[in-house]
PDB file of all heavy atoms in Angstrom:
ATOM      1  N   ARG A   1       0.837  -1.211   0.001  1.00  0.00           N
ATOM      2  CA  ARG A   1       0.000   0.001   0.001  1.00  0.00           C
ATOM      3  C   ARG A   1       0.872   1.262   0.000  1.00  0.00           C
ATOM      4  O   ARG A   1       0.685   2.160  -0.808  1.00  0.00           O
ATOM      5  CB  ARG A   1      -0.921   0.006   1.223  1.00  0.00           C
ATOM      6  CG  ARG A   1      -1.813   1.229   1.287  1.00  0.00           C
ATOM      7  CD  ARG A   1      -2.744   1.203   2.499  1.00  0.00           C
ATOM      8  NE  ARG A   1      -3.756   0.179   2.319  1.00  0.00           N
ATOM      9  CZ  ARG A   1      -3.861  -0.923   3.059  1.00  0.00           C
ATOM     10  NH1 ARG A   1      -3.013  -1.154   4.045  1.00  0.00           N
ATOM     11  NH2 ARG A   1      -4.796  -1.817   2.822  1.00  0.00           N
ATOM     12  N   ASP A   2       1.853   1.289   0.893  1.00  0.00           N
ATOM     13  CA  ASP A   2       2.729   2.459   0.996  1.00  0.00           C
ATOM     14  C   ASP A   2       3.631   2.606  -0.229  1.00  0.00           C
ATOM     15  O   ASP A   2       3.911   3.731  -0.668  1.00  0.00           O
ATOM     16  CB  ASP A   2       3.595   2.367   2.258  1.00  0.00           C
ATOM     17  CG  ASP A   2       2.772   2.428   3.540  1.00  0.00           C
ATOM     18  OD1 ASP A   2       1.575   2.816   3.485  1.00  0.00           O
ATOM     19  OD2 ASP A   2       3.323   2.071   4.606  1.00  0.00           O
ATOM     20  N   GLY A   3       4.068   1.486  -0.791  1.00  0.00           N
ATOM     21  CA  GLY A   3       4.925   1.535  -1.976  1.00  0.00           C
ATOM     22  C   GLY A   3       4.212   2.143  -3.167  1.00  0.00           C
ATOM     23  O   GLY A   3       4.797   2.940  -3.910  1.00  0.00           O
ATOM     24  N   PHE A   4       2.948   1.791  -3.365  1.00  0.00           N
ATOM     25  CA  PHE A   4       2.174   2.401  -4.452  1.00  0.00           C
ATOM     26  C   PHE A   4       1.817   3.845  -4.124  1.00  0.00           C
ATOM     27  O   PHE A   4       1.812   4.704  -5.013  1.00  0.00           O
ATOM     28  CB  PHE A   4       0.915   1.585  -4.759  1.00  0.00           C
ATOM     29  CG  PHE A   4       1.169   0.405  -5.644  1.00  0.00           C
ATOM     30  CD1 PHE A   4       1.160  -0.884  -5.133  1.00  0.00           C
ATOM     31  CD2 PHE A   4       1.439   0.575  -6.991  1.00  0.00           C
ATOM     32  CE1 PHE A   4       1.413  -1.975  -5.949  1.00  0.00           C
ATOM     33  CE2 PHE A   4       1.688  -0.506  -7.822  1.00  0.00           C
ATOM     34  CZ  PHE A   4       1.678  -1.788  -7.300  1.00  0.00           C
ATOM     35  N   ALA A   5       1.536   4.130  -2.861  1.00  0.00           N
ATOM     36  CA  ALA A   5       1.184   5.499  -2.456  1.00  0.00           C
ATOM     37  C   ALA A   5       2.329   6.472  -2.749  1.00  0.00           C
ATOM     38  O   ALA A   5       2.084   7.639  -3.071  1.00  0.00           O
ATOM     39  CB  ALA A   5       0.819   5.538  -0.974  1.00  0.00           C
ATOM     40  N   ARG A   6       3.543   6.002  -2.687  1.00  0.00           N
ATOM     41  CA  ARG A   6       4.698   6.844  -3.006  1.00  0.00           C
ATOM     42  C   ARG A   6       4.658   7.329  -4.455  1.00  0.00           C
ATOM     43  O   ARG A   6       5.316   8.287  -4.816  1.00  0.00           O
ATOM     44  CB  ARG A   6       5.993   6.056  -2.769  1.00  0.00           C
ATOM     45  CG  ARG A   6       6.199   5.707  -1.319  1.00  0.00           C
ATOM     46  CD  ARG A   6       7.299   4.661  -1.095  1.00  0.00           C
ATOM     47  NE  ARG A   6       8.601   5.210  -1.387  1.00  0.00           N
ATOM     48  CZ  ARG A   6       9.453   4.670  -2.244  1.00  0.00           C
ATOM     49  NH1 ARG A   6       9.154   3.579  -2.913  1.00  0.00           N
ATOM     50  NH2 ARG A   6      10.634   5.221  -2.445  1.00  0.00           N
ATOM     51  N   HIS A   7       3.876   6.635  -5.291  1.00  0.00           N
ATOM     52  CA  HIS A   7       3.715   7.001  -6.705  1.00  0.00           C
ATOM     53  C   HIS A   7       2.323   7.565  -6.971  1.00  0.00           C
ATOM     54  O   HIS A   7       1.877   7.605  -8.124  1.00  0.00           O
ATOM     55  CB  HIS A   7       3.949   5.774  -7.588  1.00  0.00           C
ATOM     56  CG  HIS A   7       5.334   5.234  -7.488  1.00  0.00           C
ATOM     57  ND1 HIS A   7       6.405   5.786  -8.163  1.00  0.00           N
ATOM     58  CD2 HIS A   7       5.839   4.199  -6.760  1.00  0.00           C
ATOM     59  CE1 HIS A   7       7.503   5.101  -7.878  1.00  0.00           C
ATOM     60  NE2 HIS A   7       7.184   4.146  -7.026  1.00  0.00           N
ATOM     61  N   ASN A   8       1.627   7.955  -5.899  1.00  0.00           N
ATOM     62  CA  ASN A   8       0.260   8.500  -5.992  1.00  0.00           C
ATOM     63  C   ASN A   8      -0.716   7.514  -6.613  1.00  0.00           C
ATOM     64  O   ASN A   8      -1.603   7.887  -7.376  1.00  0.00           O
ATOM     65  CB  ASN A   8       0.242   9.835  -6.744  1.00  0.00           C
ATOM     66  CG  ASN A   8       1.082  10.878  -6.042  1.00  0.00           C
ATOM     67  OD1 ASN A   8       1.004  11.016  -4.821  1.00  0.00           O
ATOM     68  ND2 ASN A   8       1.892  11.594  -6.793  1.00  0.00           N
ATOM     69  N   ILE A   9      -0.544   6.241  -6.284  1.00  0.00           N
ATOM     70  CA  ILE A   9      -1.434   5.176  -6.740  1.00  0.00           C
ATOM     71  C   ILE A   9      -2.053   4.547  -5.496  1.00  0.00           C
ATOM     72  O   ILE A   9      -1.339   4.171  -4.565  1.00  0.00           O
ATOM     73  CB  ILE A   9      -0.666   4.115  -7.555  1.00  0.00           C
ATOM     74  CG1 ILE A   9      -0.034   4.758  -8.794  1.00  0.00           C
ATOM     75  CG2 ILE A   9      -1.581   2.958  -7.937  1.00  0.00           C
ATOM     76  CD1 ILE A   9       0.959   3.872  -9.514  1.00  0.00           C
ATOM     77  N   LYS A  10      -3.363   4.443  -5.493  1.00  0.00           N
ATOM     78  CA  LYS A  10      -4.067   3.882  -4.339  1.00  0.00           C
ATOM     79  C   LYS A  10      -4.239   2.377  -4.520  1.00  0.00           C
ATOM     80  O   LYS A  10      -4.697   1.917  -5.566  1.00  0.00           O
ATOM     81  CB  LYS A  10      -5.422   4.553  -4.176  1.00  0.00           C
ATOM     82  CG  LYS A  10      -6.132   4.129  -2.929  1.00  0.00           C
ATOM     83  CD  LYS A  10      -7.249   5.052  -2.578  1.00  0.00           C
ATOM     84  CE  LYS A  10      -7.921   4.494  -1.356  1.00  0.00           C
ATOM     85  NZ  LYS A  10      -8.088   5.386  -0.306  1.00  0.00           N
ATOM     86  N   ALA A  11      -3.881   1.616  -3.480  1.00  0.00           N
ATOM     87  CA  ALA A  11      -4.019   0.159  -3.506  1.00  0.00           C
ATOM     88  C   ALA A  11      -5.263  -0.239  -2.724  1.00  0.00           C
ATOM     89  O   ALA A  11      -5.444   0.169  -1.588  1.00  0.00           O
ATOM     90  CB  ALA A  11      -2.783  -0.500  -2.900  1.00  0.00           C
ATOM     91  N   HIS A  12      -6.120  -1.038  -3.355  1.00  0.00           N
ATOM     92  CA  HIS A  12      -7.327  -1.577  -2.736  1.00  0.00           C
ATOM     93  C   HIS A  12      -7.137  -3.090  -2.629  1.00  0.00           C
ATOM     94  O   HIS A  12      -6.812  -3.732  -3.631  1.00  0.00           O
ATOM     95  CB  HIS A  12      -8.568  -1.296  -3.588  1.00  0.00           C
ATOM     96  CG  HIS A  12      -8.740   0.138  -3.951  1.00  0.00           C
ATOM     97  ND1 HIS A  12      -9.306   1.053  -3.113  1.00  0.00           N
ATOM     98  CD2 HIS A  12      -8.393   0.811  -5.074  1.00  0.00           C
ATOM     99  CE1 HIS A  12      -9.322   2.233  -3.700  1.00  0.00           C
ATOM    100  NE2 HIS A  12      -8.767   2.116  -4.898  1.00  0.00           N
ATOM    101  N   PHE A  13      -7.366  -3.657  -1.459  1.00  0.00           N
ATOM    102  CA  PHE A  13      -7.171  -5.094  -1.261  1.00  0.00           C
ATOM    103  C   PHE A  13      -8.508  -5.819  -1.305  1.00  0.00           C
ATOM    104  O   PHE A  13      -9.520  -5.311  -0.830  1.00  0.00           O
ATOM    105  CB  PHE A  13      -6.467  -5.355   0.070  1.00  0.00           C
ATOM    106  CG  PHE A  13      -5.033  -4.918   0.042  1.00  0.00           C
ATOM    107  CD1 PHE A  13      -4.690  -3.594   0.273  1.00  0.00           C
ATOM    108  CD2 PHE A  13      -4.028  -5.818  -0.254  1.00  0.00           C
ATOM    109  CE1 PHE A  13      -3.366  -3.187   0.226  1.00  0.00           C
ATOM    110  CE2 PHE A  13      -2.709  -5.416  -0.311  1.00  0.00           C
ATOM    111  CZ  PHE A  13      -2.375  -4.093  -0.067  1.00  0.00           C
ATOM    112  N   TYR A  14      -8.499  -7.010  -1.908  1.00  0.00           N
ATOM    113  CA  TYR A  14      -9.700  -7.839  -1.967  1.00  0.00           C
ATOM    114  C   TYR A  14      -9.284  -9.299  -1.828  1.00  0.00           C
ATOM    115  O   TYR A  14      -8.128  -9.644  -2.055  1.00  0.00           O
ATOM    116  CB  TYR A  14     -10.472  -7.609  -3.276  1.00  0.00           C
ATOM    117  CG  TYR A  14      -9.785  -8.150  -4.497  1.00  0.00           C
ATOM    118  CD1 TYR A  14     -10.112  -9.403  -4.999  1.00  0.00           C
ATOM    119  CD2 TYR A  14      -8.792  -7.424  -5.140  1.00  0.00           C
ATOM    120  CE1 TYR A  14      -9.470  -9.921  -6.111  1.00  0.00           C
ATOM    121  CE2 TYR A  14      -8.141  -7.932  -6.246  1.00  0.00           C
ATOM    122  CZ  TYR A  14      -8.492  -9.170  -6.730  1.00  0.00           C
ATOM    123  OH  TYR A  14      -7.844  -9.688  -7.821  1.00  0.00           O
ATOM    124  N   LYS A  15     -10.256 -10.150  -1.442  1.00  0.00           N
ATOM    125  CA  LYS A  15      -9.931 -11.563  -1.210  1.00  0.00           C
ATOM    126  C   LYS A  15     -10.383 -12.487  -2.333  1.00  0.00           C
ATOM    127  O   LYS A  15      -9.615 -13.280  -2.819  1.00  0.00           O
ATOM    128  CB  LYS A  15     -10.545 -12.030   0.110  1.00  0.00           C
ATOM    129  CG  LYS A  15      -9.822 -11.514   1.308  1.00  0.00           C
ATOM    130  CD  LYS A  15     -10.308 -12.181   2.563  1.00  0.00           C
ATOM    131  CE  LYS A  15      -9.503 -11.635   3.722  1.00  0.00           C
ATOM    132  NZ  LYS A  15      -9.744 -12.345   4.946  1.00  0.00           N
ATOM    133  N   ASP A  16     -11.638 -12.426  -2.705  1.00  0.00           N
ATOM    134  CA  ASP A  16     -12.182 -13.463  -3.587  1.00  0.00           C
ATOM    135  C   ASP A  16     -12.212 -13.034  -5.051  1.00  0.00           C
ATOM    136  O   ASP A  16     -11.309 -13.298  -5.800  1.00  0.00           O
ATOM    137  CB  ASP A  16     -13.568 -13.878  -3.105  1.00  0.00           C
ATOM    138  CG  ASP A  16     -13.506 -14.482  -1.704  1.00  0.00           C
ATOM    139  OD1 ASP A  16     -12.570 -15.249  -1.438  1.00  0.00           O
ATOM    140  OD2 ASP A  16     -14.382 -14.161  -0.892  1.00  0.00           O
ATOM    141  N   SER A  17     -13.272 -12.352  -5.460  1.00  0.00           N
ATOM    142  CA  SER A  17     -13.392 -11.977  -6.865  1.00  0.00           C
ATOM    143  C   SER A  17     -13.035 -10.498  -7.053  1.00  0.00           C
ATOM    144  O   SER A  17     -13.252  -9.672  -6.168  1.00  0.00           O
ATOM    145  CB  SER A  17     -14.810 -12.254  -7.385  1.00  0.00           C
ATOM    146  OG  SER A  17     -15.750 -11.538  -6.620  1.00  0.00           O
ATOM    147  N   LEU A  18     -12.490 -10.219  -8.214  1.00  0.00           N
ATOM    148  CA  LEU A  18     -12.056  -8.867  -8.557  1.00  0.00           C
ATOM    149  C   LEU A  18     -13.251  -7.919  -8.563  1.00  0.00           C
ATOM    150  O   LEU A  18     -14.228  -8.166  -9.267  1.00  0.00           O
ATOM    151  CB  LEU A  18     -11.385  -8.881  -9.933  1.00  0.00           C
ATOM    152  CG  LEU A  18     -10.792  -7.584 -10.439  1.00  0.00           C
ATOM    153  CD1 LEU A  18      -9.605  -7.169  -9.579  1.00  0.00           C
ATOM    154  CD2 LEU A  18     -10.354  -7.733 -11.885  1.00  0.00           C
ATOM    155  N   PRO A  19     -13.201  -6.849  -7.764  1.00  0.00           N
ATOM    156  CA  PRO A  19     -14.306  -5.875  -7.783  1.00  0.00           C
ATOM    157  C   PRO A  19     -14.475  -5.248  -9.166  1.00  0.00           C
ATOM    158  O   PRO A  19     -13.504  -5.089  -9.912  1.00  0.00           O
ATOM    159  CB  PRO A  19     -13.852  -4.819  -6.762  1.00  0.00           C
ATOM    160  CG  PRO A  19     -12.874  -5.526  -5.889  1.00  0.00           C
ATOM    161  CD  PRO A  19     -12.186  -6.529  -6.780  1.00  0.00           C
ATOM    162  N   GLU A  20     -15.692  -4.900  -9.505  1.00  0.00           N
ATOM    163  CA  GLU A  20     -15.993  -4.354 -10.835  1.00  0.00           C
ATOM    164  C   GLU A  20     -15.261  -3.053 -11.120  1.00  0.00           C
ATOM    165  O   GLU A  20     -14.941  -2.753 -12.257  1.00  0.00           O
ATOM    166  CB  GLU A  20     -17.503  -4.145 -10.980  1.00  0.00           C
ATOM    167  CG  GLU A  20     -18.268  -5.435 -11.128  1.00  0.00           C
ATOM    168  CD  GLU A  20     -19.748  -5.199 -11.356  1.00  0.00           C
ATOM    169  OE1 GLU A  20     -20.112  -4.132 -11.897  1.00  0.00           O
ATOM    170  OE2 GLU A  20     -20.532  -6.088 -10.999  1.00  0.00           O
ATOM    171  N   MET A  21     -15.011  -2.282 -10.088  1.00  0.00           N
ATOM    172  CA  MET A  21     -14.388  -0.970 -10.291  1.00  0.00           C
ATOM    173  C   MET A  21     -12.896  -1.057 -10.631  1.00  0.00           C
ATOM    174  O   MET A  21     -12.263  -0.057 -10.925  1.00  0.00           O
ATOM    175  CB  MET A  21     -14.589  -0.092  -9.046  1.00  0.00           C
ATOM    176  CG  MET A  21     -13.965  -0.642  -7.780  1.00  0.00           C
ATOM    177  SD  MET A  21     -12.389   0.099  -7.568  1.00  0.00           S
ATOM    178  CE  MET A  21     -11.979  -0.149  -5.904  1.00  0.00           C
ATOM    179  N   CYS A  22     -12.314  -2.247 -10.624  1.00  0.00           N
ATOM    180  CA  CYS A  22     -10.874  -2.413 -10.823  1.00  0.00           C
ATOM    181  C   CYS A  22     -10.504  -2.495 -12.299  1.00  0.00           C
ATOM    182  O   CYS A  22     -11.038  -3.315 -13.032  1.00  0.00           O
ATOM    183  CB  CYS A  22     -10.397  -3.671 -10.116  1.00  0.00           C
ATOM    184  SG  CYS A  22     -10.594  -3.596  -8.334  1.00  0.00           S
ATOM    185  N   ASP A  23      -9.564  -1.644 -12.690  1.00  0.00           N
ATOM    186  CA  ASP A  23      -9.017  -1.702 -14.044  1.00  0.00           C
ATOM    187  C   ASP A  23      -7.715  -2.498 -14.082  1.00  0.00           C
ATOM    188  O   ASP A  23      -7.319  -3.002 -15.130  1.00  0.00           O
ATOM    189  CB  ASP A  23      -8.756  -0.294 -14.579  1.00  0.00           C
ATOM    190  CG  ASP A  23     -10.043   0.453 -14.879  1.00  0.00           C
ATOM    191  OD1 ASP A  23     -11.052  -0.195 -15.231  1.00  0.00           O
ATOM    192  OD2 ASP A  23     -10.044   1.689 -14.748  1.00  0.00           O
ATOM    193  N   THR A  24      -7.029  -2.567 -12.932  1.00  0.00           N
ATOM    194  CA  THR A  24      -5.780  -3.315 -12.854  1.00  0.00           C
ATOM    195  C   THR A  24      -5.790  -4.180 -11.601  1.00  0.00           C
ATOM    196  O   THR A  24      -6.363  -3.815 -10.580  1.00  0.00           O
ATOM    197  CB  THR A  24      -4.551  -2.393 -12.807  1.00  0.00           C
ATOM    198  OG1 THR A  24      -4.701  -1.477 -11.726  1.00  0.00           O
ATOM    199  CG2 THR A  24      -4.368  -1.645 -14.104  1.00  0.00           C
ATOM    200  N   LYS A  25      -5.127  -5.331 -11.706  1.00  0.00           N
ATOM    201  CA  LYS A  25      -5.065  -6.286 -10.601  1.00  0.00           C
ATOM    202  C   LYS A  25      -3.610  -6.648 -10.355  1.00  0.00           C
ATOM    203  O   LYS A  25      -2.858  -6.920 -11.292  1.00  0.00           O
ATOM    204  CB  LYS A  25      -5.857  -7.530 -10.964  1.00  0.00           C
ATOM    205  CG  LYS A  25      -5.683  -8.683  -9.980  1.00  0.00           C
ATOM    206  CD  LYS A  25      -6.522  -9.878 -10.408  1.00  0.00           C
ATOM    207  CE  LYS A  25      -5.661 -10.993 -10.868  1.00  0.00           C
ATOM    208  NZ  LYS A  25      -6.389 -12.243 -11.094  1.00  0.00           N
ATOM    209  N   LEU A  26      -3.222  -6.667  -9.080  1.00  0.00           N
ATOM    210  CA  LEU A  26      -1.881  -7.080  -8.696  1.00  0.00           C
ATOM    211  C   LEU A  26      -1.977  -8.371  -7.900  1.00  0.00           C
ATOM    212  O   LEU A  26      -2.775  -8.473  -6.969  1.00  0.00           O
ATOM    213  CB  LEU A  26      -1.201  -6.006  -7.837  1.00  0.00           C
ATOM    214  CG  LEU A  26       0.220  -6.360  -7.399  1.00  0.00           C
ATOM    215  CD1 LEU A  26       1.201  -6.026  -8.519  1.00  0.00           C
ATOM    216  CD2 LEU A  26       0.598  -5.629  -6.130  1.00  0.00           C
TER     217      LEU A  26
END
């Protein structure tokens, strides 16, 4: 989370299925 925040990118965590609002998945 902090590593992406350093680049002004917000990290959202999820467990099961990819939320619809996600354009990229890590």
